[in-house]
Amino acid sequence: MRVERDNVTREEAIRFYVVYDCGKKNLNLSLDFDTWPWHNPEGLDEKLDENKLKKGVLAAYRTWKLVELGVADLLECAIVNHIFPKEPQVLGQLVLRGNLAEWLPNGAPEWWRDIGNGSEFGVGSELILRRSLPSERPAKWYIEDGSGRALALLQRSLRYAELGRTVRAYLGDEPDECSAFIKLHPELK
């Protein structure tokens, strides 16, 4: 993992996520970011929730890092557990079990075609990461947003021996102890 930039603000990470997710879901929300309570994790969670966006992790960190992950880093990430029910969440373990070779995403997301054709991840398609919880170990990180994109990139990289491929991600850095998510998971402090 290579750090591109330290001290990314919570506001920048959330703005990125909101724009990306609304575009992905074709949501045309008129969001007035100037009214969002950027120093209040509970208030941010309310804003995210009322706009049908993921709450919890994004508001849980005061600062983020913008990082670049390689294939080896992706193998150390955990993904959401509903993609491969009753299987490990760690991408490296899924690869060893042969689960990745035949995986297909639900629907036909635009990123699936792009990654399958060998396109690079562009600016604006970063993943959202945090450190893993004990239940997600041996993973080092958990992909909070972008499990499908990470799976597709890893699948393409391994299938075509494109081991130099990378993806950028926002990684939660400084936890906000006032966050409900951090209170629920104090081991992330």
C-alpha atoms as a PDB file:
ATOM      1  CA  MET A   1       0.000   0.000   0.000  1.00  0.00           C
ATOM      2  CA  ARG A   2       1.324   3.372  -0.977  1.00  0.00           C
ATOM      3  CA  VAL A   3       0.042   6.527   0.695  1.00  0.00           C
ATOM      4  CA  GLU A   4      -0.664   9.241  -1.873  1.00  0.00           C
ATOM      5  CA  ARG A   5      -1.981  11.812   0.577  1.00  0.00           C
ATOM      6  CA  ASP A   6      -2.387  12.089   4.346  1.00  0.00           C
ATOM      7  CA  ASN A   7      -4.908  14.189   6.251  1.00  0.00           C
ATOM      8  CA  VAL A   8      -7.784  13.962   3.808  1.00  0.00           C
ATOM      9  CA  THR A   9     -10.744  15.572   5.562  1.00  0.00           C
ATOM     10  CA  ARG A  10     -13.910  13.731   6.456  1.00  0.00           C
ATOM     11  CA  GLU A  11     -15.773  16.220   4.299  1.00  0.00           C
ATOM     12  CA  GLU A  12     -13.687  15.386   1.218  1.00  0.00           C
ATOM     13  CA  ALA A  13     -14.129  11.625   1.709  1.00  0.00           C
ATOM     14  CA  ILE A  14     -17.884  11.926   2.227  1.00  0.00           C
ATOM     15  CA  ARG A  15     -18.346  14.298  -0.708  1.00  0.00           C
ATOM     16  CA  PHE A  16     -16.461  11.844  -2.925  1.00  0.00           C
ATOM     17  CA  TYR A  17     -18.596   8.908  -1.752  1.00  0.00           C
ATOM     18  CA  VAL A  18     -21.902  10.764  -2.132  1.00  0.00           C
ATOM     19  CA  VAL A  19     -21.112  11.890  -5.687  1.00  0.00           C
ATOM     20  CA  TYR A  20     -19.871   8.408  -6.661  1.00  0.00           C
ATOM     21  CA  ASP A  21     -22.753   6.494  -5.090  1.00  0.00           C
ATOM     22  CA  CYS A  22     -25.463   8.833  -6.389  1.00  0.00           C
ATOM     23  CA  GLY A  23     -23.993   8.507  -9.880  1.00  0.00           C
ATOM     24  CA  LYS A  24     -23.848   4.721  -9.611  1.00  0.00           C
ATOM     25  CA  LYS A  25     -27.460   4.519  -8.428  1.00  0.00           C
ATOM     26  CA  ASN A  26     -28.700   7.221 -10.815  1.00  0.00           C
ATOM     27  CA  LEU A  27     -29.914   9.279  -7.859  1.00  0.00           C
ATOM     28  CA  ASN A  28     -30.434  12.911  -8.642  1.00  0.00           C
ATOM     29  CA  LEU A  29     -30.246  14.333  -5.165  1.00  0.00           C
ATOM     30  CA  SER A  30     -29.976  18.039  -4.635  1.00  0.00           C
ATOM     31  CA  LEU A  31     -27.621  18.014  -1.685  1.00  0.00           C
ATOM     32  CA  ASP A  32     -26.656  21.229   0.020  1.00  0.00           C
ATOM     33  CA  PHE A  33     -23.294  20.161   1.444  1.00  0.00           C
ATOM     34  CA  ASP A  34     -22.842  23.577   3.025  1.00  0.00           C
ATOM     35  CA  THR A  35     -25.514  22.685   5.596  1.00  0.00           C
ATOM     36  CA  TRP A  36     -23.959  19.333   6.571  1.00  0.00           C
ATOM     37  CA  PRO A  37     -22.565  19.194  10.144  1.00  0.00           C
ATOM     38  CA  TRP A  38     -18.985  18.207   9.198  1.00  0.00           C
ATOM     39  CA  HIS A  39     -17.767  18.004  12.814  1.00  0.00           C
ATOM     40  CA  ASN A  40     -20.712  15.957  14.087  1.00  0.00           C
ATOM     41  CA  PRO A  41     -20.591  12.238  13.165  1.00  0.00           C
ATOM     42  CA  GLU A  42     -24.149  11.599  14.361  1.00  0.00           C
ATOM     43  CA  GLY A  43     -25.477  14.516  12.295  1.00  0.00           C
ATOM     44  CA  LEU A  44     -23.531  13.294   9.255  1.00  0.00           C
ATOM     45  CA  ASP A  45     -24.979   9.809   9.678  1.00  0.00           C
ATOM     46  CA  GLU A  46     -28.464  11.358   9.719  1.00  0.00           C
ATOM     47  CA  LYS A  47     -27.740  13.260   6.480  1.00  0.00           C
ATOM     48  CA  LEU A  48     -26.379  10.119   4.808  1.00  0.00           C
ATOM     49  CA  ASP A  49     -29.317   8.032   6.006  1.00  0.00           C
ATOM     50  CA  GLU A  50     -31.986  10.516   4.914  1.00  0.00           C
ATOM     51  CA  ASN A  51     -30.404  10.478   1.431  1.00  0.00           C
ATOM     52  CA  LYS A  52     -30.413   6.639   1.323  1.00  0.00           C
ATOM     53  CA  LEU A  53     -26.621   6.420   1.538  1.00  0.00           C
ATOM     54  CA  LYS A  54     -24.412   4.253   3.758  1.00  0.00           C
ATOM     55  CA  LYS A  55     -23.984   5.637   7.211  1.00  0.00           C
ATOM     56  CA  GLY A  56     -21.500   4.624   9.889  1.00  0.00           C
ATOM     57  CA  VAL A  57     -17.949   4.358   8.627  1.00  0.00           C
ATOM     58  CA  LEU A  58     -17.778   7.533   6.556  1.00  0.00           C
ATOM     59  CA  ALA A  59     -18.678   9.716   9.525  1.00  0.00           C
ATOM     60  CA  ALA A  60     -16.567   7.606  11.910  1.00  0.00           C
ATOM     61  CA  TYR A  61     -13.193   9.056  10.888  1.00  0.00           C
ATOM     62  CA  ARG A  62     -12.021  12.636  11.305  1.00  0.00           C
ATOM     63  CA  THR A  63      -9.269  12.134   8.736  1.00  0.00           C
ATOM     64  CA  TRP A  64      -8.595   9.723   5.896  1.00  0.00           C
ATOM     65  CA  LYS A  65      -5.646   8.729   3.756  1.00  0.00           C
ATOM     66  CA  LEU A  66      -5.773   8.444   0.000  1.00  0.00           C
ATOM     67  CA  VAL A  67      -3.857   5.241  -0.751  1.00  0.00           C
ATOM     68  CA  GLU A  68      -2.984   3.077  -3.737  1.00  0.00           C
ATOM     69  CA  LEU A  69      -3.517  -0.665  -3.408  1.00  0.00           C
ATOM     70  CA  GLY A  70      -1.810  -3.312  -5.493  1.00  0.00           C
ATOM     71  CA  VAL A  71      -2.925  -6.888  -6.062  1.00  0.00           C
ATOM     72  CA  ALA A  72      -1.079  -8.107  -2.946  1.00  0.00           C
ATOM     73  CA  ASP A  73      -2.893  -5.468  -0.862  1.00  0.00           C
ATOM     74  CA  LEU A  74      -6.286  -6.500  -2.271  1.00  0.00           C
ATOM     75  CA  LEU A  75      -5.616 -10.095  -1.231  1.00  0.00           C
ATOM     76  CA  GLU A  76      -5.438  -8.821   2.367  1.00  0.00           C
ATOM     77  CA  CYS A  77      -8.844  -7.128   2.217  1.00  0.00           C
ATOM     78  CA  ALA A  78     -12.177  -8.469   3.430  1.00  0.00           C
ATOM     79  CA  ILE A  79     -15.381  -7.904   1.495  1.00  0.00           C
ATOM     80  CA  VAL A  80     -19.054  -7.894   2.417  1.00  0.00           C
ATOM     81  CA  ASN A  81     -20.194 -11.386   3.439  1.00  0.00           C
ATOM     82  CA  HIS A  82     -23.301 -11.687   1.244  1.00  0.00           C
ATOM     83  CA  ILE A  83     -21.354 -12.014  -2.031  1.00  0.00           C
ATOM     84  CA  PHE A  84     -20.042 -15.461  -1.042  1.00  0.00           C
ATOM     85  CA  PRO A  85     -22.380 -16.663   1.740  1.00  0.00           C
ATOM     86  CA  LYS A  86     -20.858 -19.045   4.290  1.00  0.00           C
ATOM     87  CA  GLU A  87     -17.399 -18.485   2.800  1.00  0.00           C
ATOM     88  CA  PRO A  88     -14.468 -16.433   4.114  1.00  0.00           C
ATOM     89  CA  GLN A  89     -14.579 -12.698   3.537  1.00  0.00           C
ATOM     90  CA  VAL A  90     -10.850 -12.305   2.878  1.00  0.00           C
ATOM     91  CA  LEU A  91     -10.057 -12.015  -0.825  1.00  0.00           C
ATOM     92  CA  GLY A  92      -6.857 -14.077  -0.526  1.00  0.00           C
ATOM     93  CA  GLN A  93      -8.800 -16.965   1.030  1.00  0.00           C
ATOM     94  CA  LEU A  94     -11.503 -16.716  -1.633  1.00  0.00           C
ATOM     95  CA  VAL A  95      -8.844 -16.937  -4.349  1.00  0.00           C
ATOM     96  CA  LEU A  96      -7.297 -20.038  -2.748  1.00  0.00           C
ATOM     97  CA  ARG A  97     -10.715 -21.712  -2.588  1.00  0.00           C
ATOM     98  CA  GLY A  98     -11.310 -20.997  -6.279  1.00  0.00           C
ATOM     99  CA  ASN A  99     -14.340 -18.785  -5.636  1.00  0.00           C
ATOM    100  CA  LEU A 100     -13.144 -15.854  -7.681  1.00  0.00           C
ATOM    101  CA  ALA A 101     -12.740 -17.449 -11.121  1.00  0.00           C
ATOM    102  CA  GLU A 102     -16.437 -17.705 -11.971  1.00  0.00           C
ATOM    103  CA  TRP A 103     -17.812 -14.772  -9.981  1.00  0.00           C
ATOM    104  CA  LEU A 104     -20.129 -12.332 -11.774  1.00  0.00           C
ATOM    105  CA  PRO A 105     -21.704  -9.204 -10.291  1.00  0.00           C
ATOM    106  CA  ASN A 106     -25.449  -8.735  -9.993  1.00  0.00           C
ATOM    107  CA  GLY A 107     -26.838  -6.806 -12.928  1.00  0.00           C
ATOM    108  CA  ALA A 108     -24.483  -5.183 -15.393  1.00  0.00           C
ATOM    109  CA  PRO A 109     -22.706  -2.352 -13.593  1.00  0.00           C
ATOM    110  CA  GLU A 110     -20.704  -0.029 -15.815  1.00  0.00           C
ATOM    111  CA  TRP A 111     -17.491  -0.738 -13.921  1.00  0.00           C
ATOM    112  CA  TRP A 112     -17.797  -4.466 -14.733  1.00  0.00           C
ATOM    113  CA  ARG A 113     -17.461  -3.865 -18.456  1.00  0.00           C
ATOM    114  CA  ASP A 114     -14.662  -1.329 -17.982  1.00  0.00           C
ATOM    115  CA  ILE A 115     -12.570  -3.538 -15.707  1.00  0.00           C
ATOM    116  CA  GLY A 116     -13.241  -6.615 -17.840  1.00  0.00           C
ATOM    117  CA  ASN A 117     -11.929  -4.726 -20.880  1.00  0.00           C
ATOM    118  CA  GLY A 118      -8.729  -3.886 -19.001  1.00  0.00           C
ATOM    119  CA  SER A 119      -9.493  -0.212 -18.344  1.00  0.00           C
ATOM    120  CA  GLU A 120      -7.798   1.444 -15.415  1.00  0.00           C
ATOM    121  CA  PHE A 121      -9.718   2.740 -12.429  1.00  0.00           C
ATOM    122  CA  GLY A 122     -10.057   6.431 -12.992  1.00  0.00           C
ATOM    123  CA  VAL A 123     -10.155   9.263 -10.508  1.00  0.00           C
ATOM    124  CA  GLY A 124     -13.595   9.221  -8.961  1.00  0.00           C
ATOM    125  CA  SER A 125     -13.871   5.446  -8.551  1.00  0.00           C
ATOM    126  CA  GLU A 126     -11.840   5.019  -5.357  1.00  0.00           C
ATOM    127  CA  LEU A 127     -12.783   2.346  -2.835  1.00  0.00           C
ATOM    128  CA  ILE A 128     -13.640   3.106   0.805  1.00  0.00           C
ATOM    129  CA  LEU A 129     -11.545   1.137   3.345  1.00  0.00           C
ATOM    130  CA  ARG A 130     -11.153   0.846   7.075  1.00  0.00           C
ATOM    131  CA  ARG A 131      -9.024  -1.349   9.284  1.00  0.00           C
ATOM    132  CA  SER A 132     -10.498  -4.793   9.819  1.00  0.00           C
ATOM    133  CA  LEU A 133     -12.394  -5.893  12.904  1.00  0.00           C
ATOM    134  CA  PRO A 134     -11.415  -9.099  14.735  1.00  0.00           C
ATOM    135  CA  SER A 135     -14.328 -10.931  13.054  1.00  0.00           C
ATOM    136  CA  GLU A 136     -12.910 -10.008   9.626  1.00  0.00           C
ATOM    137  CA  ARG A 137      -9.372 -11.197  10.286  1.00  0.00           C
ATOM    138  CA  PRO A 138      -6.936 -12.343   8.965  1.00  0.00           C
ATOM    139  CA  ALA A 139      -7.775  -9.406   6.689  1.00  0.00           C
ATOM    140  CA  LYS A 140      -5.867  -6.195   7.366  1.00  0.00           C
ATOM    141  CA  TRP A 141      -8.570  -3.999   5.838  1.00  0.00           C
ATOM    142  CA  TYR A 142     -12.275  -4.130   5.124  1.00  0.00           C
ATOM    143  CA  ILE A 143     -13.711  -2.743   1.892  1.00  0.00           C
ATOM    144  CA  GLU A 144     -16.626  -0.661   3.084  1.00  0.00           C
ATOM    145  CA  ASP A 145     -17.611   0.399  -0.418  1.00  0.00           C
ATOM    146  CA  GLY A 146     -16.370  -1.220  -3.620  1.00  0.00           C
ATOM    147  CA  SER A 147     -16.327  -4.978  -2.912  1.00  0.00           C
ATOM    148  CA  GLY A 148     -17.550  -5.762  -6.431  1.00  0.00           C
ATOM    149  CA  ARG A 149     -15.012  -3.461  -8.078  1.00  0.00           C
ATOM    150  CA  ALA A 150     -12.211  -4.976  -5.998  1.00  0.00           C
ATOM    151  CA  LEU A 151     -13.346  -8.499  -6.926  1.00  0.00           C
ATOM    152  CA  ALA A 152     -13.494  -7.606 -10.624  1.00  0.00           C
ATOM    153  CA  LEU A 153     -10.047  -5.999 -10.593  1.00  0.00           C
ATOM    154  CA  LEU A 154      -8.524  -8.933  -8.717  1.00  0.00           C
ATOM    155  CA  GLN A 155     -10.224 -11.419 -11.049  1.00  0.00           C
ATOM    156  CA  ARG A 156      -8.919  -9.590 -14.140  1.00  0.00           C
ATOM    157  CA  SER A 157      -5.421  -9.176 -12.647  1.00  0.00           C
ATOM    158  CA  LEU A 158      -5.049 -12.860 -11.824  1.00  0.00           C
ATOM    159  CA  ARG A 159      -6.660 -14.161 -15.022  1.00  0.00           C
ATOM    160  CA  TYR A 160      -4.394 -12.115 -17.307  1.00  0.00           C
ATOM    161  CA  ALA A 161      -1.301 -11.897 -15.047  1.00  0.00           C
ATOM    162  CA  GLU A 162      -1.731  -8.122 -14.782  1.00  0.00           C
ATOM    163  CA  LEU A 163      -0.098  -8.052 -11.375  1.00  0.00           C
ATOM    164  CA  GLY A 164       0.908  -4.401 -11.628  1.00  0.00           C
ATOM    165  CA  ARG A 165      -2.702  -3.182 -11.591  1.00  0.00           C
ATOM    166  CA  THR A 166      -3.675  -0.782  -8.811  1.00  0.00           C
ATOM    167  CA  VAL A 167      -6.713   0.908  -7.366  1.00  0.00           C
ATOM    168  CA  ARG A 168      -6.977   4.000  -5.199  1.00  0.00           C
ATOM    169  CA  ALA A 169      -8.905   4.053  -1.938  1.00  0.00           C
ATOM    170  CA  TYR A 170      -9.843   6.292   0.930  1.00  0.00           C
ATOM    171  CA  LEU A 171      -8.641   4.621   4.138  1.00  0.00           C
ATOM    172  CA  GLY A 172     -10.144   5.718   7.463  1.00  0.00           C
ATOM    173  CA  ASP A 173      -7.286   7.084   9.571  1.00  0.00           C
ATOM    174  CA  GLU A 174      -8.171   9.075  12.707  1.00  0.00           C
ATOM    175  CA  PRO A 175     -11.266   7.655  14.424  1.00  0.00           C
ATOM    176  CA  ASP A 176     -13.811  10.052  15.926  1.00  0.00           C
ATOM    177  CA  GLU A 177     -14.629   8.771  19.399  1.00  0.00           C
ATOM    178  CA  CYS A 178     -18.023  10.506  19.241  1.00  0.00           C
ATOM    179  CA  SER A 179     -19.052   8.296  16.309  1.00  0.00           C
ATOM    180  CA  ALA A 180     -21.639   5.604  17.006  1.00  0.00           C
ATOM    181  CA  PHE A 181     -19.661   3.231  14.775  1.00  0.00           C
ATOM    182  CA  ILE A 182     -16.432   3.755  16.753  1.00  0.00           C
ATOM    183  CA  LYS A 183     -18.320   3.424  20.057  1.00  0.00           C
ATOM    184  CA  LEU A 184     -19.666   0.100  18.796  1.00  0.00           C
ATOM    185  CA  HIS A 185     -16.175  -0.972  17.644  1.00  0.00           C
ATOM    186  CA  PRO A 186     -13.696   0.562  20.146  1.00  0.00           C
ATOM    187  CA  GLU A 187     -10.940  -1.751  18.855  1.00  0.00           C
ATOM    188  CA  LEU A 188     -10.670   0.602  15.862  1.00  0.00           C
ATOM    189  CA  LYS A 189      -9.390   3.432  18.097  1.00  0.00           C
END
